[in-house]
Amino acid sequence: VAGYRGARVGKMSDPSEWHTWGQGTQGTVSS
């Protein structure tokens, strides 16, 4: 993610505060 909208860093864990998202990459961990 990029394009953080928040005025403060405290909302960085909120997905809605980020403007730009990548397409995603799968990470799989097997036991």
Full PDB file with SEQRES, HELIX, SHEET, SSBOND, CRYST1, ORIGX, SCALE, CONECT and MASTER records, all heavy atoms in Angstrom:
SEQRES   1 A   31  VAL ALA GLY TYR ARG GLY ALA ARG VAL GLY LYS MET SER          
SEQRES   2 A   31  ASP PRO SER GLU TRP HIS THR TRP GLY GLN GLY THR GLN          
SEQRES   3 A   31  GLY THR VAL SER SER                                          
HELIX    1 AA1 VAL A    9  LYS A   11  5                                   3    
HELIX    2 AA2 PRO A   15  GLU A   17  5                                   3    
SHEET    1 AA1 2 ALA A   2  TYR A   4  0                                        
SHEET    2 AA1 2 TRP A  18  THR A  20 -1                                        
CRYST1    1.000    1.000    1.000  90.00  90.00  90.00 P 1           1          
ORIGX1      1.000000  0.000000  0.000000        0.00000                         
ORIGX2      0.000000  1.000000  0.000000        0.00000                         
ORIGX3      0.000000  0.000000  1.000000        0.00000                         
SCALE1      1.000000  0.000000  0.000000        0.00000                         
SCALE2      0.000000  1.000000  0.000000        0.00000                         
SCALE3      0.000000  0.000000  1.000000        0.00000                         
ATOM      1  N   VAL A   1       0.831  -1.198   0.000  1.00  0.00           N  
ATOM      2  CA  VAL A   1       0.000   0.000   0.000  1.00  0.00           C  
ATOM      3  C   VAL A   1       0.864   1.246   0.000  1.00  0.00           C  
ATOM      4  O   VAL A   1       1.988   1.251   0.495  1.00  0.00           O  
ATOM      5  CB  VAL A   1      -0.949   0.035   1.219  1.00  0.00           C  
ATOM      6  CG1 VAL A   1      -1.987  -1.068   1.133  1.00  0.00           C  
ATOM      7  CG2 VAL A   1      -0.174  -0.060   2.522  1.00  0.00           C  
ATOM      8  N   ALA A   2       0.285   2.298  -0.571  1.00  0.00           N  
ATOM      9  CA  ALA A   2       0.907   3.616  -0.592  1.00  0.00           C  
ATOM     10  C   ALA A   2      -0.213   4.652  -0.562  1.00  0.00           C  
ATOM     11  O   ALA A   2      -1.386   4.308  -0.609  1.00  0.00           O  
ATOM     12  CB  ALA A   2       1.781   3.788  -1.833  1.00  0.00           C  
ATOM     13  N   GLY A   3       0.191   5.917  -0.493  1.00  0.00           N  
ATOM     14  CA  GLY A   3      -0.830   6.954  -0.493  1.00  0.00           C  
ATOM     15  C   GLY A   3      -1.610   7.011   0.801  1.00  0.00           C  
ATOM     16  O   GLY A   3      -2.834   6.990   0.813  1.00  0.00           O  
ATOM     17  N   TYR A   4      -0.882   7.108   1.914  1.00  0.00           N  
ATOM     18  CA  TYR A   4      -1.531   7.180   3.222  1.00  0.00           C  
ATOM     19  C   TYR A   4      -2.252   8.519   3.375  1.00  0.00           C  
ATOM     20  O   TYR A   4      -1.678   9.573   3.148  1.00  0.00           O  
ATOM     21  CB  TYR A   4      -0.479   7.020   4.319  1.00  0.00           C  
ATOM     22  CG  TYR A   4      -1.026   7.069   5.721  1.00  0.00           C  
ATOM     23  CD1 TYR A   4      -1.947   6.121   6.154  1.00  0.00           C  
ATOM     24  CD2 TYR A   4      -0.611   8.055   6.605  1.00  0.00           C  
ATOM     25  CE1 TYR A   4      -2.441   6.162   7.441  1.00  0.00           C  
ATOM     26  CE2 TYR A   4      -1.089   8.104   7.903  1.00  0.00           C  
ATOM     27  CZ  TYR A   4      -2.014   7.145   8.315  1.00  0.00           C  
ATOM     28  OH  TYR A   4      -2.505   7.188   9.598  1.00  0.00           O  
ATOM     29  N   ARG A   5      -3.520   8.454   3.739  1.00  0.00           N  
ATOM     30  CA  ARG A   5      -4.349   9.653   3.835  1.00  0.00           C  
ATOM     31  C   ARG A   5      -4.329  10.286   5.220  1.00  0.00           C  
ATOM     32  O   ARG A   5      -4.677  11.459   5.390  1.00  0.00           O  
ATOM     33  CB  ARG A   5      -5.803   9.321   3.511  1.00  0.00           C  
ATOM     34  CG  ARG A   5      -6.078   8.782   2.126  1.00  0.00           C  
ATOM     35  CD  ARG A   5      -7.579   8.698   1.901  1.00  0.00           C  
ATOM     36  NE  ARG A   5      -7.948   8.151   0.614  1.00  0.00           N  
ATOM     37  CZ  ARG A   5      -8.336   6.898   0.431  1.00  0.00           C  
ATOM     38  NH1 ARG A   5      -8.370   6.065   1.453  1.00  0.00           N  
ATOM     39  NH2 ARG A   5      -8.675   6.472  -0.771  1.00  0.00           N  
ATOM     40  N   GLY A   6      -3.977   9.499   6.217  1.00  0.00           N  
ATOM     41  CA  GLY A   6      -4.117   9.949   7.588  1.00  0.00           C  
ATOM     42  C   GLY A   6      -3.198  11.100   7.943  1.00  0.00           C  
ATOM     43  O   GLY A   6      -2.090  11.199   7.444  1.00  0.00           O  
ATOM     44  N   ALA A   7      -3.680  11.964   8.801  1.00  0.00           N  
ATOM     45  CA  ALA A   7      -2.874  13.087   9.268  1.00  0.00           C  
ATOM     46  C   ALA A   7      -1.863  12.633  10.309  1.00  0.00           C  
ATOM     47  O   ALA A   7      -0.857  13.296  10.538  1.00  0.00           O  
ATOM     48  CB  ALA A   7      -3.772  14.173   9.842  1.00  0.00           C  
ATOM     49  N   ARG A   8      -2.153  11.545  10.947  1.00  0.00           N  
ATOM     50  CA  ARG A   8      -1.256  11.017  11.964  1.00  0.00           C  
ATOM     51  C   ARG A   8      -0.981   9.555  11.693  1.00  0.00           C  
ATOM     52  O   ARG A   8      -1.748   8.881  11.032  1.00  0.00           O  
ATOM     53  CB  ARG A   8      -1.888  11.185  13.355  1.00  0.00           C  
ATOM     54  CG  ARG A   8      -2.165  12.630  13.714  1.00  0.00           C  
ATOM     55  CD  ARG A   8      -2.802  12.733  15.072  1.00  0.00           C  
ATOM     56  NE  ARG A   8      -3.058  14.118  15.461  1.00  0.00           N  
ATOM     57  CZ  ARG A   8      -3.614  14.484  16.614  1.00  0.00           C  
ATOM     58  NH1 ARG A   8      -3.931  13.575  17.505  1.00  0.00           N  
ATOM     59  NH2 ARG A   8      -3.814  15.771  16.865  1.00  0.00           N  
ATOM     60  N   VAL A   9       0.117   9.049  12.246  1.00  0.00           N  
ATOM     61  CA  VAL A   9       0.515   7.673  11.986  1.00  0.00           C  
ATOM     62  C   VAL A   9      -0.368   6.664  12.690  1.00  0.00           C  
ATOM     63  O   VAL A   9      -0.330   5.487  12.398  1.00  0.00           O  
ATOM     64  CB  VAL A   9       1.983   7.450  12.382  1.00  0.00           C  
ATOM     65  CG1 VAL A   9       2.895   8.333  11.560  1.00  0.00           C  
ATOM     66  CG2 VAL A   9       2.184   7.687  13.872  1.00  0.00           C  
ATOM     67  N   GLY A  10      -1.172   7.123  13.611  1.00  0.00           N  
ATOM     68  CA  GLY A  10      -1.962   6.203  14.417  1.00  0.00           C  
ATOM     69  C   GLY A  10      -3.000   5.411  13.659  1.00  0.00           C  
ATOM     70  O   GLY A  10      -3.531   4.437  14.182  1.00  0.00           O  
ATOM     71  N   LYS A  11      -3.311   5.827  12.444  1.00  0.00           N  
ATOM     72  CA  LYS A  11      -4.342   5.123  11.682  1.00  0.00           C  
ATOM     73  C   LYS A  11      -3.755   4.271  10.569  1.00  0.00           C  
ATOM     74  O   LYS A  11      -4.463   3.856   9.661  1.00  0.00           O  
ATOM     75  CB  LYS A  11      -5.331   6.121  11.109  1.00  0.00           C  
ATOM     76  CG  LYS A  11      -6.196   6.801  12.158  1.00  0.00           C  
ATOM     77  CD  LYS A  11      -7.310   7.596  11.519  1.00  0.00           C  
ATOM     78  CE  LYS A  11      -8.244   8.166  12.573  1.00  0.00           C  
ATOM     79  NZ  LYS A  11      -9.371   8.902  11.945  1.00  0.00           N  
ATOM     80  N   MET A  12      -2.485   3.976  10.637  1.00  0.00           N  
ATOM     81  CA  MET A  12      -1.848   3.216   9.570  1.00  0.00           C  
ATOM     82  C   MET A  12      -2.361   1.797   9.489  1.00  0.00           C  
ATOM     83  O   MET A  12      -2.249   1.159   8.455  1.00  0.00           O  
ATOM     84  CB  MET A  12      -0.331   3.224   9.755  1.00  0.00           C  
ATOM     85  CG  MET A  12       0.324   4.510   9.322  1.00  0.00           C  
ATOM     86  SD  MET A  12       2.095   4.329   9.148  1.00  0.00           S  
ATOM     87  CE  MET A  12       2.443   5.660   8.023  1.00  0.00           C  
ATOM     88  N   SER A  13      -2.951   1.283  10.545  1.00  0.00           N  
ATOM     89  CA  SER A  13      -3.482  -0.068  10.519  1.00  0.00           C  
ATOM     90  C   SER A  13      -4.882  -0.130   9.930  1.00  0.00           C  
ATOM     91  O   SER A  13      -5.436  -1.220   9.792  1.00  0.00           O  
ATOM     92  CB  SER A  13      -3.497  -0.643  11.941  1.00  0.00           C  
ATOM     93  OG  SER A  13      -4.343   0.133  12.768  1.00  0.00           O  
ATOM     94  N   ASP A  14      -5.427   1.011   9.564  1.00  0.00           N  
ATOM     95  CA  ASP A  14      -6.773   1.083   8.980  1.00  0.00           C  
ATOM     96  C   ASP A  14      -6.675   1.028   7.468  1.00  0.00           C  
ATOM     97  O   ASP A  14      -6.150   1.969   6.844  1.00  0.00           O  
ATOM     98  CB  ASP A  14      -7.449   2.377   9.426  1.00  0.00           C  
ATOM     99  CG  ASP A  14      -8.885   2.480   8.951  1.00  0.00           C  
ATOM    100  OD1 ASP A  14      -9.285   1.685   8.086  1.00  0.00           O  
ATOM    101  OD2 ASP A  14      -9.609   3.342   9.453  1.00  0.00           O  
ATOM    102  N   PRO A  15      -7.193  -0.018   6.825  1.00  0.00           N  
ATOM    103  CA  PRO A  15      -7.079  -0.123   5.361  1.00  0.00           C  
ATOM    104  C   PRO A  15      -7.673   1.073   4.623  1.00  0.00           C  
ATOM    105  O   PRO A  15      -7.187   1.448   3.554  1.00  0.00           O  
ATOM    106  CB  PRO A  15      -7.859  -1.405   5.040  1.00  0.00           C  
ATOM    107  CG  PRO A  15      -7.844  -2.196   6.299  1.00  0.00           C  
ATOM    108  CD  PRO A  15      -7.871  -1.179   7.398  1.00  0.00           C  
ATOM    109  N   SER A  16      -8.711   1.686   5.160  1.00  0.00           N  
ATOM    110  CA  SER A  16      -9.383   2.782   4.462  1.00  0.00           C  
ATOM    111  C   SER A  16      -8.523   4.052   4.412  1.00  0.00           C  
ATOM    112  O   SER A  16      -8.836   4.977   3.668  1.00  0.00           O  
ATOM    113  CB  SER A  16     -10.714   3.106   5.140  1.00  0.00           C  
ATOM    114  OG  SER A  16     -10.508   3.624   6.439  1.00  0.00           O  
ATOM    115  N   GLU A  17      -7.438   4.088   5.179  1.00  0.00           N  
ATOM    116  CA  GLU A  17      -6.554   5.258   5.179  1.00  0.00           C  
ATOM    117  C   GLU A  17      -5.498   5.198   4.084  1.00  0.00           C  
ATOM    118  O   GLU A  17      -4.721   6.122   3.930  1.00  0.00           O  
ATOM    119  CB  GLU A  17      -5.871   5.391   6.540  1.00  0.00           C  
ATOM    120  CG  GLU A  17      -6.827   5.714   7.682  1.00  0.00           C  
ATOM    121  CD  GLU A  17      -7.419   7.101   7.571  1.00  0.00           C  
ATOM    122  OE1 GLU A  17      -6.805   7.977   6.940  1.00  0.00           O  
ATOM    123  OE2 GLU A  17      -8.517   7.298   8.143  1.00  0.00           O  
ATOM    124  N   TRP A  18      -5.486   4.117   3.335  1.00  0.00           N  
ATOM    125  CA  TRP A  18      -4.509   3.956   2.253  1.00  0.00           C  
ATOM    126  C   TRP A  18      -5.202   4.054   0.910  1.00  0.00           C  
ATOM    127  O   TRP A  18      -6.183   3.377   0.648  1.00  0.00           O  
ATOM    128  CB  TRP A  18      -3.790   2.619   2.373  1.00  0.00           C  
ATOM    129  CG  TRP A  18      -2.961   2.516   3.617  1.00  0.00           C  
ATOM    130  CD1 TRP A  18      -3.378   2.081   4.851  1.00  0.00           C  
ATOM    131  CD2 TRP A  18      -1.583   2.863   3.770  1.00  0.00           C  
ATOM    132  NE1 TRP A  18      -2.344   2.114   5.747  1.00  0.00           N  
ATOM    133  CE2 TRP A  18      -1.223   2.613   5.105  1.00  0.00           C  
ATOM    134  CE3 TRP A  18      -0.606   3.365   2.906  1.00  0.00           C  
ATOM    135  CZ2 TRP A  18       0.062   2.827   5.598  1.00  0.00           C  
ATOM    136  CZ3 TRP A  18       0.672   3.582   3.395  1.00  0.00           C  
ATOM    137  CH2 TRP A  18       0.997   3.318   4.724  1.00  0.00           C  
ATOM    138  N   HIS A  19      -4.647   4.882   0.020  1.00  0.00           N  
ATOM    139  CA  HIS A  19      -5.286   5.159  -1.265  1.00  0.00           C  
ATOM    140  C   HIS A  19      -4.922   4.146  -2.332  1.00  0.00           C  
ATOM    141  O   HIS A  19      -5.758   3.786  -3.168  1.00  0.00           O  
ATOM    142  CB  HIS A  19      -4.866   6.553  -1.742  1.00  0.00           C  
ATOM    143  CG  HIS A  19      -5.430   6.926  -3.073  1.00  0.00           C  
ATOM    144  ND1 HIS A  19      -4.768   6.658  -4.266  1.00  0.00           N  
ATOM    145  CD2 HIS A  19      -6.577   7.543  -3.417  1.00  0.00           C  
ATOM    146  CE1 HIS A  19      -5.499   7.103  -5.266  1.00  0.00           C  
ATOM    147  NE2 HIS A  19      -6.591   7.634  -4.792  1.00  0.00           N  
ATOM    148  N   THR A  20      -3.688   3.676  -2.324  1.00  0.00           N  
ATOM    149  CA  THR A  20      -3.169   2.859  -3.433  1.00  0.00           C  
ATOM    150  C   THR A  20      -2.838   1.460  -2.955  1.00  0.00           C  
ATOM    151  O   THR A  20      -2.113   1.287  -1.975  1.00  0.00           O  
ATOM    152  CB  THR A  20      -1.908   3.506  -4.028  1.00  0.00           C  
ATOM    153  OG1 THR A  20      -2.228   4.819  -4.502  1.00  0.00           O  
ATOM    154  CG2 THR A  20      -1.368   2.670  -5.175  1.00  0.00           C  
ATOM    155  N   TRP A  21      -3.352   0.474  -3.683  1.00  0.00           N  
ATOM    156  CA  TRP A  21      -3.150  -0.934  -3.355  1.00  0.00           C  
ATOM    157  C   TRP A  21      -2.582  -1.671  -4.563  1.00  0.00           C  
ATOM    158  O   TRP A  21      -2.987  -1.423  -5.698  1.00  0.00           O  
ATOM    159  CB  TRP A  21      -4.473  -1.585  -2.955  1.00  0.00           C  
ATOM    160  CG  TRP A  21      -4.997  -1.089  -1.654  1.00  0.00           C  
ATOM    161  CD1 TRP A  21      -5.576   0.128  -1.403  1.00  0.00           C  
ATOM    162  CD2 TRP A  21      -4.977  -1.784  -0.406  1.00  0.00           C  
ATOM    163  NE1 TRP A  21      -5.921   0.234  -0.078  1.00  0.00           N  
ATOM    164  CE2 TRP A  21      -5.570  -0.923   0.558  1.00  0.00           C  
ATOM    165  CE3 TRP A  21      -4.526  -3.034   0.006  1.00  0.00           C  
ATOM    166  CZ2 TRP A  21      -5.702  -1.288   1.898  1.00  0.00           C  
ATOM    167  CZ3 TRP A  21      -4.667  -3.397   1.331  1.00  0.00           C  
ATOM    168  CH2 TRP A  21      -5.260  -2.522   2.261  1.00  0.00           C  
ATOM    169  N   GLY A  22      -1.686  -2.594  -4.291  1.00  0.00           N  
ATOM    170  CA  GLY A  22      -1.208  -3.478  -5.339  1.00  0.00           C  
ATOM    171  C   GLY A  22      -2.196  -4.601  -5.581  1.00  0.00           C  
ATOM    172  O   GLY A  22      -3.233  -4.705  -4.929  1.00  0.00           O  
ATOM    173  N   GLN A  23      -1.831  -5.475  -6.520  1.00  0.00           N  
ATOM    174  CA  GLN A  23      -2.734  -6.560  -6.887  1.00  0.00           C  
ATOM    175  C   GLN A  23      -2.634  -7.740  -5.909  1.00  0.00           C  
ATOM    176  O   GLN A  23      -3.485  -8.620  -5.915  1.00  0.00           O  
ATOM    177  CB  GLN A  23      -2.422  -7.048  -8.319  1.00  0.00           C  
ATOM    178  CG  GLN A  23      -1.235  -8.001  -8.443  1.00  0.00           C  
ATOM    179  CD  GLN A  23       0.108  -7.321  -8.302  1.00  0.00           C  
ATOM    180  OE1 GLN A  23       0.208  -6.107  -8.192  1.00  0.00           O  
ATOM    181  NE2 GLN A  23       1.172  -8.116  -8.295  1.00  0.00           N  
ATOM    182  N   GLY A  24      -1.617  -7.740  -5.092  1.00  0.00           N  
ATOM    183  CA  GLY A  24      -1.436  -8.799  -4.108  1.00  0.00           C  
ATOM    184  C   GLY A  24      -0.529  -9.905  -4.598  1.00  0.00           C  
ATOM    185  O   GLY A  24      -0.442 -10.191  -5.794  1.00  0.00           O  
ATOM    186  N   THR A  25       0.159 -10.510  -3.657  1.00  0.00           N  
ATOM    187  CA  THR A  25       1.006 -11.658  -3.961  1.00  0.00           C  
ATOM    188  C   THR A  25       0.786 -12.712  -2.886  1.00  0.00           C  
ATOM    189  O   THR A  25       0.725 -12.393  -1.695  1.00  0.00           O  
ATOM    190  CB  THR A  25       2.491 -11.253  -4.062  1.00  0.00           C  
ATOM    191  OG1 THR A  25       3.264 -12.378  -4.467  1.00  0.00           O  
ATOM    192  CG2 THR A  25       3.033 -10.696  -2.759  1.00  0.00           C  
ATOM    193  N   GLN A  26       0.648 -13.955  -3.302  1.00  0.00           N  
ATOM    194  CA  GLN A  26       0.314 -15.040  -2.375  1.00  0.00           C  
ATOM    195  C   GLN A  26       1.555 -15.533  -1.657  1.00  0.00           C  
ATOM    196  O   GLN A  26       2.573 -15.842  -2.288  1.00  0.00           O  
ATOM    197  CB  GLN A  26      -0.336 -16.198  -3.125  1.00  0.00           C  
ATOM    198  CG  GLN A  26      -0.659 -17.411  -2.265  1.00  0.00           C  
ATOM    199  CD  GLN A  26      -1.808 -17.168  -1.305  1.00  0.00           C  
ATOM    200  OE1 GLN A  26      -2.829 -16.594  -1.684  1.00  0.00           O  
ATOM    201  NE2 GLN A  26      -1.656 -17.614  -0.057  1.00  0.00           N  
ATOM    202  N   GLY A  27       1.438 -15.659  -0.350  1.00  0.00           N  
ATOM    203  CA  GLY A  27       2.470 -16.293   0.449  1.00  0.00           C  
ATOM    204  C   GLY A  27       1.850 -17.475   1.175  1.00  0.00           C  
ATOM    205  O   GLY A  27       0.879 -17.308   1.902  1.00  0.00           O  
ATOM    206  N   THR A  28       2.401 -18.673   0.970  1.00  0.00           N  
ATOM    207  CA  THR A  28       1.838 -19.885   1.542  1.00  0.00           C  
ATOM    208  C   THR A  28       2.888 -20.591   2.393  1.00  0.00           C  
ATOM    209  O   THR A  28       4.002 -20.840   1.926  1.00  0.00           O  
ATOM    210  CB  THR A  28       1.347 -20.838   0.449  1.00  0.00           C  
ATOM    211  OG1 THR A  28       0.357 -20.173  -0.346  1.00  0.00           O  
ATOM    212  CG2 THR A  28       0.735 -22.086   1.056  1.00  0.00           C  
ATOM    213  N   VAL A  29       2.523 -20.882   3.624  1.00  0.00           N  
ATOM    214  CA  VAL A  29       3.427 -21.547   4.555  1.00  0.00           C  
ATOM    215  C   VAL A  29       2.807 -22.872   4.957  1.00  0.00           C  
ATOM    216  O   VAL A  29       1.722 -22.906   5.526  1.00  0.00           O  
ATOM    217  CB  VAL A  29       3.696 -20.687   5.793  1.00  0.00           C  
ATOM    218  CG1 VAL A  29       4.731 -21.349   6.697  1.00  0.00           C  
ATOM    219  CG2 VAL A  29       4.145 -19.289   5.398  1.00  0.00           C  
ATOM    220  N   SER A  30       3.489 -23.953   4.686  1.00  0.00           N  
ATOM    221  CA  SER A  30       2.977 -25.278   5.004  1.00  0.00           C  
ATOM    222  C   SER A  30       3.627 -25.801   6.285  1.00  0.00           C  
ATOM    223  O   SER A  30       4.790 -25.500   6.578  1.00  0.00           O  
ATOM    224  CB  SER A  30       3.240 -26.234   3.852  1.00  0.00           C  
ATOM    225  OG  SER A  30       4.621 -26.303   3.577  1.00  0.00           O  
ATOM    226  N   SER A  31       2.866 -26.600   7.000  1.00  0.00           N  
ATOM    227  CA  SER A  31       3.379 -27.116   8.278  1.00  0.00           C  
ATOM    228  C   SER A  31       4.148 -28.408   8.087  1.00  0.00           C  
ATOM    229  O   SER A  31       4.163 -28.995   7.019  1.00  0.00           O  
ATOM    230  CB  SER A  31       2.208 -27.353   9.224  1.00  0.00           C  
ATOM    231  OG  SER A  31       1.290 -28.263   8.645  1.00  0.00           O  
TER     232      SER A  31                                                      
MASTER        0    0    0    2    2    0    0    6  231    1    0    3          
END                                                                             
